[in-house]
Protein backbone atom coordinates (compact mmCIF):
# COMPACT_ATOMS: atom_id res chain seq x y z
CA GLN A 1 76.15 85.06 80.25
CA VAL A 2 79.15 85.54 82.51
CA GLN A 3 79.81 89.17 83.38
CA LEU A 4 82.75 90.39 85.39
CA VAL A 5 83.19 94.05 86.31
CA GLU A 6 86.42 95.22 87.93
CA SER A 7 86.77 98.42 89.92
CA GLY A 8 89.06 100.06 92.43
CA GLY A 9 92.09 100.85 90.32
CA GLY A 10 93.86 104.20 90.34
CA LEU A 11 97.12 106.06 90.86
CA VAL A 12 99.01 105.29 94.06
CA GLN A 13 102.49 106.09 95.34
CA PRO A 14 105.05 103.34 95.90
CA GLY A 15 104.39 101.65 99.22
CA GLY A 16 100.69 102.44 99.04
CA SER A 17 97.65 100.20 98.95
CA LEU A 18 94.63 99.60 96.74
CA ARG A 19 91.70 97.21 96.94
CA LEU A 20 90.29 95.90 93.68
CA SER A 21 86.79 94.45 93.38
CA CYS A 22 85.30 92.11 90.80
CA ALA A 23 81.51 92.01 90.70
CA ALA A 24 80.29 88.80 89.04
CA SER A 25 76.96 87.80 87.51
CA GLY A 26 75.51 85.29 85.10
CA PHE A 27 76.75 82.17 86.88
CA THR A 28 76.66 80.52 90.30
CA PHE A 29 79.51 82.49 91.78
CA SER A 30 79.94 80.39 94.91
CA ARG A 31 80.77 77.25 92.91
CA PHE A 32 83.75 78.52 90.92
CA VAL A 33 87.37 79.49 91.22
CA MET A 34 88.08 83.19 90.82
CA SER A 35 91.39 84.55 89.56
CA TRP A 36 93.16 87.85 89.05
CA PHE A 37 95.60 88.48 86.20
CA ARG A 38 97.45 91.59 85.09
CA GLN A 39 98.96 92.93 81.92
CA ALA A 40 101.66 95.60 81.87
CA PRO A 41 102.36 97.66 78.74
CA GLY A 42 104.27 95.62 76.18
CA LYS A 43 104.03 92.43 78.23
CA GLU A 44 101.86 89.33 78.18
CA ARG A 45 99.00 88.88 80.62
CA GLU A 46 100.25 87.12 83.75
CA PHE A 47 98.66 85.28 86.66
CA VAL A 48 98.45 87.15 89.94
CA ALA A 49 96.23 85.21 92.37
CA GLN A 50 93.50 82.59 92.61
CA ILE A 51 90.94 81.56 95.20
CA ASN A 52 88.84 78.41 95.35
CA TRP A 53 85.05 78.32 95.67
CA SER A 54 84.97 78.50 99.46
CA GLY A 55 87.85 80.86 99.97
CA GLY A 56 89.74 78.17 101.84
CA SER A 57 92.57 77.87 99.34
CA THR A 58 94.51 80.66 97.71
CA TYR A 59 97.46 80.80 95.33
CA TYR A 60 99.76 83.65 94.43
CA ALA A 61 102.43 84.52 91.92
CA ASP A 62 105.82 84.75 93.59
CA SER A 63 106.04 88.40 92.63
CA VAL A 64 103.06 89.35 94.81
CA LYS A 65 103.23 86.77 97.60
CA GLY A 66 103.15 88.43 101.01
CA ARG A 67 101.91 91.74 99.59
CA PHE A 68 98.60 90.88 97.90
CA THR A 69 95.62 89.06 99.37
CA ILE A 70 92.76 87.57 97.35
CA SER A 71 89.39 87.05 99.00
CA ARG A 72 85.73 86.59 98.08
CA ASP A 73 82.26 87.25 99.43
CA ASN A 74 79.93 84.60 98.04
CA ALA A 75 76.88 86.40 99.42
CA GLU A 76 77.80 89.47 97.39
CA ASN A 77 79.11 87.63 94.29
CA THR A 78 82.31 89.64 94.55
CA ALA A 79 86.00 88.84 94.56
CA TYR A 80 88.65 91.17 95.92
CA LEU A 81 92.34 91.77 95.59
CA GLN A 82 93.94 93.71 98.45
CA MET A 83 97.25 95.11 97.28
CA ASN A 84 99.74 96.43 99.83
CA SER A 85 103.33 97.66 99.58
CA LEU A 86 102.78 98.48 95.94
CA LYS A 87 105.77 98.84 93.65
CA PRO A 88 106.17 100.58 90.28
CA GLU A 89 106.47 97.16 88.66
CA ASP A 90 102.90 96.39 89.81
CA THR A 91 101.66 98.96 87.29
CA ALA A 92 99.31 97.14 84.90
CA VAL A 93 95.72 96.63 83.90
CA TYR A 94 94.24 94.11 86.33
CA TYR A 95 91.67 91.61 85.12
CA CYS A 96 89.25 89.31 86.87
CA ASN A 97 88.79 85.82 85.42
CA ALA A 98 86.19 83.09 85.87
CA LEU A 99 84.96 80.31 83.58
CA ASP A 100 87.34 81.48 80.82
CA SER A 101 85.69 84.90 80.83
CA TRP A 102 87.33 88.26 81.45
CA GLY A 103 86.25 91.61 82.72
CA GLN A 104 87.19 94.88 81.07
CA GLY A 105 90.06 95.47 83.46
CA THR A 106 90.98 98.26 85.86
CA GLN A 107 94.17 100.31 85.59
CA VAL A 108 96.60 100.38 88.49
CA THR A 109 99.46 102.85 88.28
CA VAL A 110 102.15 102.96 90.95
CA SER A 111 104.23 106.09 90.64
CA SER A 112 105.59 108.96 92.68
């Protein structure tokens, strides 16, 4: 079955950076779109970024465009989300998504 395991979250000051990882198993990783979503307290889960099977096409929410970069390593079955210039409003649990499956999430807190 599809398994997605996120890691790399933590506490960071405004303006800082974090790199999230999503380790995937149970499916042919290199054939499928990978996405990141996030959910802040009291809010609905929202789309953050998506990358196609080859890594040649990426899409971003307007709120993160120019600050976040999604990438993937098909040899390692891992997707990444590089987050720069972090803001307090980026605070959320970040989830990896593939084939309608979700990981357990990783907490990102941006605070001074």
